[in-house]
mmCIF file of all heavy atoms, coordinates in Angstrom:
data_MODEL
# 
_entry.id   MODEL 
# 
loop_
_atom_site.group_PDB 
_atom_site.id 
_atom_site.type_symbol 
_atom_site.label_atom_id 
_atom_site.label_alt_id 
_atom_site.label_comp_id 
_atom_site.label_asym_id 
_atom_site.label_entity_id 
_atom_site.label_seq_id 
_atom_site.pdbx_PDB_ins_code 
_atom_site.Cartn_x 
_atom_site.Cartn_y 
_atom_site.Cartn_z 
_atom_site.occupancy 
_atom_site.B_iso_or_equiv 
_atom_site.pdbx_formal_charge 
_atom_site.auth_seq_id 
_atom_site.auth_comp_id 
_atom_site.auth_asym_id 
_atom_site.auth_atom_id 
_atom_site.pdbx_PDB_model_num 
ATOM 1   N N   . ARG A 1 1  ? 33.605 16.248 86.259 1.00 0.00 ? 1  ARG A N   1 
ATOM 2   C CA  . ARG A 1 1  ? 33.675 17.698 86.280 1.00 0.00 ? 1  ARG A CA  1 
ATOM 3   C C   . ARG A 1 1  ? 33.626 18.227 87.715 1.00 0.00 ? 1  ARG A C   1 
ATOM 4   O O   . ARG A 1 1  ? 32.853 17.761 88.540 1.00 0.00 ? 1  ARG A O   1 
ATOM 5   C CB  . ARG A 1 1  ? 32.486 18.304 85.526 1.00 0.00 ? 1  ARG A CB  1 
ATOM 6   C CG  . ARG A 1 1  ? 32.595 18.335 84.019 1.00 0.00 ? 1  ARG A CG  1 
ATOM 7   C CD  . ARG A 1 1  ? 31.288 18.892 83.458 1.00 0.00 ? 1  ARG A CD  1 
ATOM 8   N NE  . ARG A 1 1  ? 31.334 19.145 82.032 1.00 0.00 ? 1  ARG A NE  1 
ATOM 9   C CZ  . ARG A 1 1  ? 31.078 18.221 81.109 1.00 0.00 ? 1  ARG A CZ  1 
ATOM 10  N NH1 . ARG A 1 1  ? 30.773 16.992 81.493 1.00 0.00 ? 1  ARG A NH1 1 
ATOM 11  N NH2 . ARG A 1 1  ? 31.125 18.532 79.825 1.00 0.00 ? 1  ARG A NH2 1 
ATOM 12  N N   . ILE A 1 2  ? 34.463 19.210 87.983 1.00 0.00 ? 2  ILE A N   1 
ATOM 13  C CA  . ILE A 1 2  ? 34.346 19.989 89.217 1.00 0.00 ? 2  ILE A CA  1 
ATOM 14  C C   . ILE A 1 2  ? 33.584 21.281 88.922 1.00 0.00 ? 2  ILE A C   1 
ATOM 15  O O   . ILE A 1 2  ? 32.688 21.677 89.661 1.00 0.00 ? 2  ILE A O   1 
ATOM 16  C CB  . ILE A 1 2  ? 35.735 20.330 89.786 1.00 0.00 ? 2  ILE A CB  1 
ATOM 17  C CG1 . ILE A 1 2  ? 36.426 19.073 90.294 1.00 0.00 ? 2  ILE A CG1 1 
ATOM 18  C CG2 . ILE A 1 2  ? 35.630 21.357 90.908 1.00 0.00 ? 2  ILE A CG2 1 
ATOM 19  C CD1 . ILE A 1 2  ? 37.806 19.323 90.821 1.00 0.00 ? 2  ILE A CD1 1 
ATOM 20  N N   . TRP A 1 3  ? 33.951 21.889 87.825 1.00 0.00 ? 3  TRP A N   1 
ATOM 21  C CA  . TRP A 1 3  ? 33.352 23.175 87.471 1.00 0.00 ? 3  TRP A CA  1 
ATOM 22  C C   . TRP A 1 3  ? 33.473 23.359 85.971 1.00 0.00 ? 3  TRP A C   1 
ATOM 23  O O   . TRP A 1 3  ? 34.457 22.952 85.357 1.00 0.00 ? 3  TRP A O   1 
ATOM 24  C CB  . TRP A 1 3  ? 34.097 24.292 88.196 1.00 0.00 ? 3  TRP A CB  1 
ATOM 25  C CG  . TRP A 1 3  ? 33.801 25.675 87.678 1.00 0.00 ? 3  TRP A CG  1 
ATOM 26  C CD1 . TRP A 1 3  ? 32.756 26.478 88.031 1.00 0.00 ? 3  TRP A CD1 1 
ATOM 27  C CD2 . TRP A 1 3  ? 34.556 26.403 86.708 1.00 0.00 ? 3  TRP A CD2 1 
ATOM 28  N NE1 . TRP A 1 3  ? 32.815 27.661 87.332 1.00 0.00 ? 3  TRP A NE1 1 
ATOM 29  C CE2 . TRP A 1 3  ? 33.912 27.643 86.511 1.00 0.00 ? 3  TRP A CE2 1 
ATOM 30  C CE3 . TRP A 1 3  ? 35.711 26.124 85.976 1.00 0.00 ? 3  TRP A CE3 1 
ATOM 31  C CZ2 . TRP A 1 3  ? 34.377 28.599 85.624 1.00 0.00 ? 3  TRP A CZ2 1 
ATOM 32  C CZ3 . TRP A 1 3  ? 36.188 27.078 85.087 1.00 0.00 ? 3  TRP A CZ3 1 
ATOM 33  C CH2 . TRP A 1 3  ? 35.523 28.297 84.927 1.00 0.00 ? 3  TRP A CH2 1 
ATOM 34  N N   . SER A 1 4  ? 32.460 23.941 85.357 1.00 0.00 ? 4  SER A N   1 
ATOM 35  C CA  . SER A 1 4  ? 32.539 24.270 83.938 1.00 0.00 ? 4  SER A CA  1 
ATOM 36  C C   . SER A 1 4  ? 31.642 25.448 83.640 1.00 0.00 ? 4  SER A C   1 
ATOM 37  O O   . SER A 1 4  ? 30.651 25.696 84.347 1.00 0.00 ? 4  SER A O   1 
ATOM 38  C CB  . SER A 1 4  ? 32.138 23.067 83.070 1.00 0.00 ? 4  SER A CB  1 
ATOM 39  O OG  . SER A 1 4  ? 30.744 22.824 83.150 1.00 0.00 ? 4  SER A OG  1 
ATOM 40  N N   . ILE A 1 5  ? 31.988 26.182 82.605 1.00 0.00 ? 5  ILE A N   1 
ATOM 41  C CA  . ILE A 1 5  ? 31.211 27.343 82.187 1.00 0.00 ? 5  ILE A CA  1 
ATOM 42  C C   . ILE A 1 5  ? 31.389 27.513 80.689 1.00 0.00 ? 5  ILE A C   1 
ATOM 43  O O   . ILE A 1 5  ? 32.464 27.227 80.144 1.00 0.00 ? 5  ILE A O   1 
ATOM 44  C CB  . ILE A 1 5  ? 31.657 28.612 82.951 1.00 0.00 ? 5  ILE A CB  1 
ATOM 45  C CG1 . ILE A 1 5  ? 30.705 29.770 82.663 1.00 0.00 ? 5  ILE A CG1 1 
ATOM 46  C CG2 . ILE A 1 5  ? 33.089 28.982 82.603 1.00 0.00 ? 5  ILE A CG2 1 
ATOM 47  C CD1 . ILE A 1 5  ? 30.941 30.966 83.569 1.00 0.00 ? 5  ILE A CD1 1 
ATOM 48  N N   . ARG A 1 6  ? 30.339 27.913 80.010 1.00 0.00 ? 6  ARG A N   1 
ATOM 49  C CA  . ARG A 1 6  ? 30.402 28.113 78.560 1.00 0.00 ? 6  ARG A CA  1 
ATOM 50  C C   . ARG A 1 6  ? 30.517 29.601 78.254 1.00 0.00 ? 6  ARG A C   1 
ATOM 51  O O   . ARG A 1 6  ? 29.757 30.422 78.784 1.00 0.00 ? 6  ARG A O   1 
ATOM 52  C CB  . ARG A 1 6  ? 29.161 27.529 77.887 1.00 0.00 ? 6  ARG A CB  1 
ATOM 53  C CG  . ARG A 1 6  ? 29.171 27.661 76.369 1.00 0.00 ? 6  ARG A CG  1 
ATOM 54  C CD  . ARG A 1 6  ? 27.977 26.956 75.759 1.00 0.00 ? 6  ARG A CD  1 
ATOM 55  N NE  . ARG A 1 6  ? 28.090 25.510 75.935 1.00 0.00 ? 6  ARG A NE  1 
ATOM 56  C CZ  . ARG A 1 6  ? 28.801 24.723 75.131 1.00 0.00 ? 6  ARG A CZ  1 
ATOM 57  N NH1 . ARG A 1 6  ? 29.454 25.237 74.109 1.00 0.00 ? 6  ARG A NH1 1 
ATOM 58  N NH2 . ARG A 1 6  ? 28.845 23.432 75.347 1.00 0.00 ? 6  ARG A NH2 1 
ATOM 59  N N   . ARG A 1 7  ? 31.468 29.912 77.411 1.00 0.00 ? 7  ARG A N   1 
ATOM 60  C CA  . ARG A 1 7  ? 31.655 31.266 76.924 1.00 0.00 ? 7  ARG A CA  1 
ATOM 61  C C   . ARG A 1 7  ? 31.684 31.193 75.398 1.00 0.00 ? 7  ARG A C   1 
ATOM 62  O O   . ARG A 1 7  ? 32.643 30.664 74.818 1.00 0.00 ? 7  ARG A O   1 
ATOM 63  C CB  . ARG A 1 7  ? 32.951 31.879 77.452 1.00 0.00 ? 7  ARG A CB  1 
ATOM 64  C CG  . ARG A 1 7  ? 32.887 32.246 78.919 1.00 0.00 ? 7  ARG A CG  1 
ATOM 65  C CD  . ARG A 1 7  ? 31.911 33.400 79.148 1.00 0.00 ? 7  ARG A CD  1 
ATOM 66  N NE  . ARG A 1 7  ? 31.806 33.785 80.561 1.00 0.00 ? 7  ARG A NE  1 
ATOM 67  C CZ  . ARG A 1 7  ? 30.892 33.340 81.384 1.00 0.00 ? 7  ARG A CZ  1 
ATOM 68  N NH1 . ARG A 1 7  ? 29.986 32.461 80.944 1.00 0.00 ? 7  ARG A NH1 1 
ATOM 69  N NH2 . ARG A 1 7  ? 30.841 33.741 82.627 1.00 0.00 ? 7  ARG A NH2 1 
ATOM 70  N N   . GLY A 1 8  ? 30.635 31.691 74.771 1.00 0.00 ? 8  GLY A N   1 
ATOM 71  C CA  . GLY A 1 8  ? 30.522 31.550 73.336 1.00 0.00 ? 8  GLY A CA  1 
ATOM 72  C C   . GLY A 1 8  ? 30.305 30.098 72.976 1.00 0.00 ? 8  GLY A C   1 
ATOM 73  O O   . GLY A 1 8  ? 29.424 29.430 73.518 1.00 0.00 ? 8  GLY A O   1 
ATOM 74  N N   . GLU A 1 9  ? 31.123 29.562 72.068 1.00 0.00 ? 9  GLU A N   1 
ATOM 75  C CA  . GLU A 1 9  ? 30.978 28.177 71.648 1.00 0.00 ? 9  GLU A CA  1 
ATOM 76  C C   . GLU A 1 9  ? 31.893 27.227 72.406 1.00 0.00 ? 9  GLU A C   1 
ATOM 77  O O   . GLU A 1 9  ? 31.923 26.030 72.122 1.00 0.00 ? 9  GLU A O   1 
ATOM 78  C CB  . GLU A 1 9  ? 31.268 28.063 70.147 1.00 0.00 ? 9  GLU A CB  1 
ATOM 79  C CG  . GLU A 1 9  ? 32.682 28.469 69.755 1.00 0.00 ? 9  GLU A CG  1 
ATOM 80  C CD  . GLU A 1 9  ? 32.875 28.536 68.254 1.00 0.00 ? 9  GLU A CD  1 
ATOM 81  O OE1 . GLU A 1 9  ? 31.868 28.521 67.528 1.00 0.00 ? 9  GLU A OE1 1 
ATOM 82  O OE2 . GLU A 1 9  ? 34.038 28.611 67.818 1.00 0.00 ? 9  GLU A OE2 1 
ATOM 83  N N   . VAL A 1 10 ? 32.649 27.746 73.370 1.00 0.00 ? 10 VAL A N   1 
ATOM 84  C CA  . VAL A 1 10 ? 33.632 26.931 74.088 1.00 0.00 ? 10 VAL A CA  1 
ATOM 85  C C   . VAL A 1 10 ? 33.197 26.719 75.533 1.00 0.00 ? 10 VAL A C   1 
ATOM 86  O O   . VAL A 1 10 ? 32.805 27.664 76.225 1.00 0.00 ? 10 VAL A O   1 
ATOM 87  C CB  . VAL A 1 10 ? 35.027 27.589 74.067 1.00 0.00 ? 10 VAL A CB  1 
ATOM 88  C CG1 . VAL A 1 10 ? 36.043 26.674 74.752 1.00 0.00 ? 10 VAL A CG1 1 
ATOM 89  C CG2 . VAL A 1 10 ? 35.461 27.909 72.653 1.00 0.00 ? 10 VAL A CG2 1 
ATOM 90  N N   . GLU A 1 11 ? 33.268 25.479 75.990 1.00 0.00 ? 11 GLU A N   1 
ATOM 91  C CA  . GLU A 1 11 ? 33.049 25.150 77.390 1.00 0.00 ? 11 GLU A CA  1 
ATOM 92  C C   . GLU A 1 11 ? 34.406 25.018 78.075 1.00 0.00 ? 11 GLU A C   1 
ATOM 93  O O   . GLU A 1 11 ? 35.235 24.188 77.685 1.00 0.00 ? 11 GLU A O   1 
ATOM 94  C CB  . GLU A 1 11 ? 32.274 23.836 77.529 1.00 0.00 ? 11 GLU A CB  1 
ATOM 95  C CG  . GLU A 1 11 ? 31.966 23.477 78.981 1.00 0.00 ? 11 GLU A CG  1 
ATOM 96  C CD  . GLU A 1 11 ? 31.391 22.079 79.143 1.00 0.00 ? 11 GLU A CD  1 
ATOM 97  O OE1 . GLU A 1 11 ? 31.437 21.298 78.167 1.00 0.00 ? 11 GLU A OE1 1 
ATOM 98  O OE2 . GLU A 1 11 ? 30.927 21.763 80.254 1.00 0.00 ? 11 GLU A OE2 1 
ATOM 99  N N   . TYR A 1 12 ? 34.648 25.837 79.078 1.00 0.00 ? 12 TYR A N   1 
ATOM 100 C CA  . TYR A 1 12 ? 35.882 25.803 79.851 1.00 0.00 ? 12 TYR A CA  1 
ATOM 101 C C   . TYR A 1 12 ? 35.580 25.130 81.184 1.00 0.00 ? 12 TYR A C   1 
ATOM 102 O O   . TYR A 1 12 ? 34.490 25.295 81.733 1.00 0.00 ? 12 TYR A O   1 
ATOM 103 C CB  . TYR A 1 12 ? 36.410 27.213 80.116 1.00 0.00 ? 12 TYR A CB  1 
ATOM 104 C CG  . TYR A 1 12 ? 36.664 28.033 78.878 1.00 0.00 ? 12 TYR A CG  1 
ATOM 105 C CD1 . TYR A 1 12 ? 35.657 28.814 78.326 1.00 0.00 ? 12 TYR A CD1 1 
ATOM 106 C CD2 . TYR A 1 12 ? 37.914 28.025 78.264 1.00 0.00 ? 12 TYR A CD2 1 
ATOM 107 C CE1 . TYR A 1 12 ? 35.884 29.575 77.189 1.00 0.00 ? 12 TYR A CE1 1 
ATOM 108 C CE2 . TYR A 1 12 ? 38.150 28.780 77.127 1.00 0.00 ? 12 TYR A CE2 1 
ATOM 109 C CZ  . TYR A 1 12 ? 37.132 29.552 76.592 1.00 0.00 ? 12 TYR A CZ  1 
ATOM 110 O OH  . TYR A 1 12 ? 37.358 30.303 75.471 1.00 0.00 ? 12 TYR A OH  1 
ATOM 111 N N   . GLY A 1 13 ? 36.549 24.380 81.702 1.00 0.00 ? 13 GLY A N   1 
ATOM 112 C CA  . GLY A 1 13 ? 36.255 23.733 82.966 1.00 0.00 ? 13 GLY A CA  1 
ATOM 113 C C   . GLY A 1 13 ? 37.443 23.073 83.633 1.00 0.00 ? 13 GLY A C   1 
ATOM 114 O O   . GLY A 1 13 ? 38.566 23.069 83.112 1.00 0.00 ? 13 GLY A O   1 
ATOM 115 N N   . LEU A 1 14 ? 37.168 22.522 84.791 1.00 0.00 ? 14 LEU A N   1 
ATOM 116 C CA  . LEU A 1 14 ? 38.153 21.855 85.633 1.00 0.00 ? 14 LEU A CA  1 
ATOM 117 C C   . LEU A 1 14 ? 37.597 20.506 86.023 1.00 0.00 ? 14 LEU A C   1 
ATOM 118 O O   . LEU A 1 14 ? 36.421 20.379 86.386 1.00 0.00 ? 14 LEU A O   1 
ATOM 119 C CB  . LEU A 1 14 ? 38.421 22.699 86.882 1.00 0.00 ? 14 LEU A CB  1 
ATOM 120 C CG  . LEU A 1 14 ? 39.437 22.182 87.894 1.00 0.00 ? 14 LEU A CG  1 
ATOM 121 C CD1 . LEU A 1 14 ? 40.832 22.185 87.282 1.00 0.00 ? 14 LEU A CD1 1 
ATOM 122 C CD2 . LEU A 1 14 ? 39.414 23.047 89.155 1.00 0.00 ? 14 LEU A CD2 1 
ATOM 123 N N   . ARG A 1 15 ? 38.438 19.475 85.953 1.00 0.00 ? 15 ARG A N   1 
ATOM 124 C CA  . ARG A 1 15 ? 38.032 18.124 86.339 1.00 0.00 ? 15 ARG A CA  1 
ATOM 125 C C   . ARG A 1 15 ? 38.849 17.655 87.534 1.00 0.00 ? 15 ARG A C   1 
ATOM 126 O O   . ARG A 1 15 ? 39.870 18.250 87.879 1.00 0.00 ? 15 ARG A O   1 
ATOM 127 C CB  . ARG A 1 15 ? 38.149 17.175 85.155 1.00 0.00 ? 15 ARG A CB  1 
ATOM 128 C CG  . ARG A 1 15 ? 37.125 17.510 84.065 1.00 0.00 ? 15 ARG A CG  1 
ATOM 129 C CD  . ARG A 1 15 ? 37.251 16.622 82.838 1.00 0.00 ? 15 ARG A CD  1 
ATOM 130 N NE  . ARG A 1 15 ? 36.273 17.010 81.826 1.00 0.00 ? 15 ARG A NE  1 
ATOM 131 C CZ  . ARG A 1 15 ? 35.050 16.505 81.721 1.00 0.00 ? 15 ARG A CZ  1 
ATOM 132 N NH1 . ARG A 1 15 ? 34.661 15.560 82.559 1.00 0.00 ? 15 ARG A NH1 1 
ATOM 133 N NH2 . ARG A 1 15 ? 34.224 16.912 80.783 1.00 0.00 ? 15 ARG A NH2 1 
ATOM 134 N N   . ALA A 1 16 ? 38.403 16.577 88.146 1.00 0.00 ? 16 ALA A N   1 
ATOM 135 C CA  . ALA A 1 16 ? 38.872 16.214 89.489 1.00 0.00 ? 16 ALA A CA  1 
ATOM 136 C C   . ALA A 1 16 ? 40.285 15.653 89.539 1.00 0.00 ? 16 ALA A C   1 
ATOM 137 O O   . ALA A 1 16 ? 40.991 15.840 90.527 1.00 0.00 ? 16 ALA A O   1 
ATOM 138 C CB  . ALA A 1 16 ? 37.907 15.204 90.111 1.00 0.00 ? 16 ALA A CB  1 
ATOM 139 N N   . ILE A 1 17 ? 40.714 14.939 88.509 1.00 0.00 ? 17 ILE A N   1 
ATOM 140 C CA  . ILE A 1 17 ? 42.008 14.232 88.575 1.00 0.00 ? 17 ILE A CA  1 
ATOM 141 C C   . ILE A 1 17 ? 43.054 15.009 87.792 1.00 0.00 ? 17 ILE A C   1 
ATOM 142 O O   . ILE A 1 17 ? 42.957 15.142 86.567 1.00 0.00 ? 17 ILE A O   1 
ATOM 143 C CB  . ILE A 1 17 ? 41.873 12.802 88.022 1.00 0.00 ? 17 ILE A CB  1 
ATOM 144 C CG1 . ILE A 1 17 ? 40.768 12.056 88.782 1.00 0.00 ? 17 ILE A CG1 1 
ATOM 145 C CG2 . ILE A 1 17 ? 43.200 12.058 88.132 1.00 0.00 ? 17 ILE A CG2 1 
ATOM 146 C CD1 . ILE A 1 17 ? 40.458 10.685 88.219 1.00 0.00 ? 17 ILE A CD1 1 
ATOM 147 N N   . PRO A 1 18 ? 44.082 15.525 88.466 1.00 0.00 ? 18 PRO A N   1 
ATOM 148 C CA  . PRO A 1 18 ? 45.101 16.340 87.784 1.00 0.00 ? 18 PRO A CA  1 
ATOM 149 C C   . PRO A 1 18 ? 46.116 15.473 87.038 1.00 0.00 ? 18 PRO A C   1 
ATOM 150 O O   . PRO A 1 18 ? 47.311 15.499 87.314 1.00 0.00 ? 18 PRO A O   1 
ATOM 151 C CB  . PRO A 1 18 ? 45.747 17.106 88.934 1.00 0.00 ? 18 PRO A CB  1 
ATOM 152 C CG  . PRO A 1 18 ? 45.613 16.191 90.106 1.00 0.00 ? 18 PRO A CG  1 
ATOM 153 C CD  . PRO A 1 18 ? 44.303 15.461 89.924 1.00 0.00 ? 18 PRO A CD  1 
ATOM 154 N N   . ALA A 1 19 ? 45.620 14.690 86.080 1.00 0.00 ? 19 ALA A N   1 
ATOM 155 C CA  . ALA A 1 19 ? 46.496 13.755 85.359 1.00 0.00 ? 19 ALA A CA  1 
ATOM 156 C C   . ALA A 1 19 ? 46.441 13.998 83.859 1.00 0.00 ? 19 ALA A C   1 
ATOM 157 O O   . ALA A 1 19 ? 46.785 13.123 83.077 1.00 0.00 ? 19 ALA A O   1 
ATOM 158 C CB  . ALA A 1 19 ? 46.089 12.321 85.668 1.00 0.00 ? 19 ALA A CB  1 
ATOM 159 N N   . GLY A 1 20 ? 46.045 15.173 83.436 1.00 0.00 ? 20 GLY A N   1 
ATOM 160 C CA  . GLY A 1 20 ? 45.984 15.457 82.011 1.00 0.00 ? 20 GLY A CA  1 
ATOM 161 C C   . GLY A 1 20 ? 45.077 16.637 81.741 1.00 0.00 ? 20 GLY A C   1 
ATOM 162 O O   . GLY A 1 20 ? 44.641 17.337 82.662 1.00 0.00 ? 20 GLY A O   1 
ATOM 163 N N   . ALA A 1 21 ? 44.782 16.858 80.487 1.00 0.00 ? 21 ALA A N   1 
ATOM 164 C CA  . ALA A 1 21 ? 43.890 17.929 80.056 1.00 0.00 ? 21 ALA A CA  1 
ATOM 165 C C   . ALA A 1 21 ? 43.505 17.617 78.622 1.00 0.00 ? 21 ALA A C   1 
ATOM 166 O O   . ALA A 1 21 ? 44.068 16.719 77.993 1.00 0.00 ? 21 ALA A O   1 
ATOM 167 C CB  . ALA A 1 21 ? 44.573 19.286 80.167 1.00 0.00 ? 21 ALA A CB  1 
ATOM 168 N N   . PHE A 1 22 ? 42.527 18.340 78.078 1.00 0.00 ? 22 PHE A N   1 
ATOM 169 C CA  . PHE A 1 22 ? 42.170 18.108 76.691 1.00 0.00 ? 22 PHE A CA  1 
ATOM 170 C C   . PHE A 1 22 ? 41.504 19.327 76.079 1.00 0.00 ? 22 PHE A C   1 
ATOM 171 O O   . PHE A 1 22 ? 40.886 20.144 76.771 1.00 0.00 ? 22 PHE A O   1 
ATOM 172 C CB  . PHE A 1 22 ? 41.267 16.874 76.538 1.00 0.00 ? 22 PHE A CB  1 
ATOM 173 C CG  . PHE A 1 22 ? 39.931 16.986 77.209 1.00 0.00 ? 22 PHE A CG  1 
ATOM 174 C CD1 . PHE A 1 22 ? 38.837 17.519 76.542 1.00 0.00 ? 22 PHE A CD1 1 
ATOM 175 C CD2 . PHE A 1 22 ? 39.761 16.533 78.511 1.00 0.00 ? 22 PHE A CD2 1 
ATOM 176 C CE1 . PHE A 1 22 ? 37.603 17.614 77.163 1.00 0.00 ? 22 PHE A CE1 1 
ATOM 177 C CE2 . PHE A 1 22 ? 38.526 16.608 79.140 1.00 0.00 ? 22 PHE A CE2 1 
ATOM 178 C CZ  . PHE A 1 22 ? 37.437 17.160 78.465 1.00 0.00 ? 22 PHE A CZ  1 
ATOM 179 N N   . VAL A 1 23 ? 41.686 19.453 74.772 1.00 0.00 ? 23 VAL A N   1 
ATOM 180 C CA  . VAL A 1 23 ? 41.020 20.452 73.946 1.00 0.00 ? 23 VAL A CA  1 
ATOM 181 C C   . VAL A 1 23 ? 40.282 19.698 72.851 1.00 0.00 ? 23 VAL A C   1 
ATOM 182 O O   . VAL A 1 23 ? 40.843 18.803 72.221 1.00 0.00 ? 23 VAL A O   1 
ATOM 183 C CB  . VAL A 1 23 ? 42.035 21.425 73.312 1.00 0.00 ? 23 VAL A CB  1 
ATOM 184 C CG1 . VAL A 1 23 ? 41.379 22.276 72.248 1.00 0.00 ? 23 VAL A CG1 1 
ATOM 185 C CG2 . VAL A 1 23 ? 42.666 22.306 74.376 1.00 0.00 ? 23 VAL A CG2 1 
ATOM 186 N N   . ARG A 1 24 ? 39.013 20.039 72.637 1.00 0.00 ? 24 ARG A N   1 
ATOM 187 C CA  . ARG A 1 24 ? 38.229 19.367 71.602 1.00 0.00 ? 24 ARG A CA  1 
ATOM 188 C C   . ARG A 1 24 ? 38.153 20.264 70.372 1.00 0.00 ? 24 ARG A C   1 
ATOM 189 O O   . ARG A 1 24 ? 37.706 21.406 70.449 1.00 0.00 ? 24 ARG A O   1 
ATOM 190 C CB  . ARG A 1 24 ? 36.824 19.055 72.114 1.00 0.00 ? 24 ARG A CB  1 
ATOM 191 C CG  . ARG A 1 24 ? 36.805 18.105 73.286 1.00 0.00 ? 24 ARG A CG  1 
ATOM 192 C CD  . ARG A 1 24 ? 35.394 17.757 73.693 1.00 0.00 ? 24 ARG A CD  1 
ATOM 193 N NE  . ARG A 1 24 ? 34.739 16.917 72.683 1.00 0.00 ? 24 ARG A NE  1 
ATOM 194 C CZ  . ARG A 1 24 ? 33.508 16.439 72.814 1.00 0.00 ? 24 ARG A CZ  1 
ATOM 195 N NH1 . ARG A 1 24 ? 32.801 16.716 73.885 1.00 0.00 ? 24 ARG A NH1 1 
ATOM 196 N NH2 . ARG A 1 24 ? 32.983 15.694 71.875 1.00 0.00 ? 24 ARG A NH2 1 
ATOM 197 N N   . ILE A 1 25 ? 38.584 19.732 69.247 1.00 0.00 ? 25 ILE A N   1 
ATOM 198 C CA  . ILE A 1 25 ? 38.541 20.430 67.965 1.00 0.00 ? 25 ILE A CA  1 
ATOM 199 C C   . ILE A 1 25 ? 37.680 19.592 67.022 1.00 0.00 ? 25 ILE A C   1 
ATOM 200 O O   . ILE A 1 25 ? 37.883 18.378 66.908 1.00 0.00 ? 25 ILE A O   1 
ATOM 201 C CB  . ILE A 1 25 ? 39.963 20.599 67.372 1.00 0.00 ? 25 ILE A CB  1 
ATOM 202 C CG1 . ILE A 1 25 ? 40.877 21.305 68.378 1.00 0.00 ? 25 ILE A CG1 1 
ATOM 203 C CG2 . ILE A 1 25 ? 39.908 21.372 66.056 1.00 0.00 ? 25 ILE A CG2 1 
ATOM 204 C CD1 . ILE A 1 25 ? 42.331 21.342 67.963 1.00 0.00 ? 25 ILE A CD1 1 
# 
């Protein structure tokens, strides 16, 4: 993690390696 913040039930954030992304359901 570089940065993350929780808004409601969702944690939004940025990670160090720009090689993908993900959403957790």
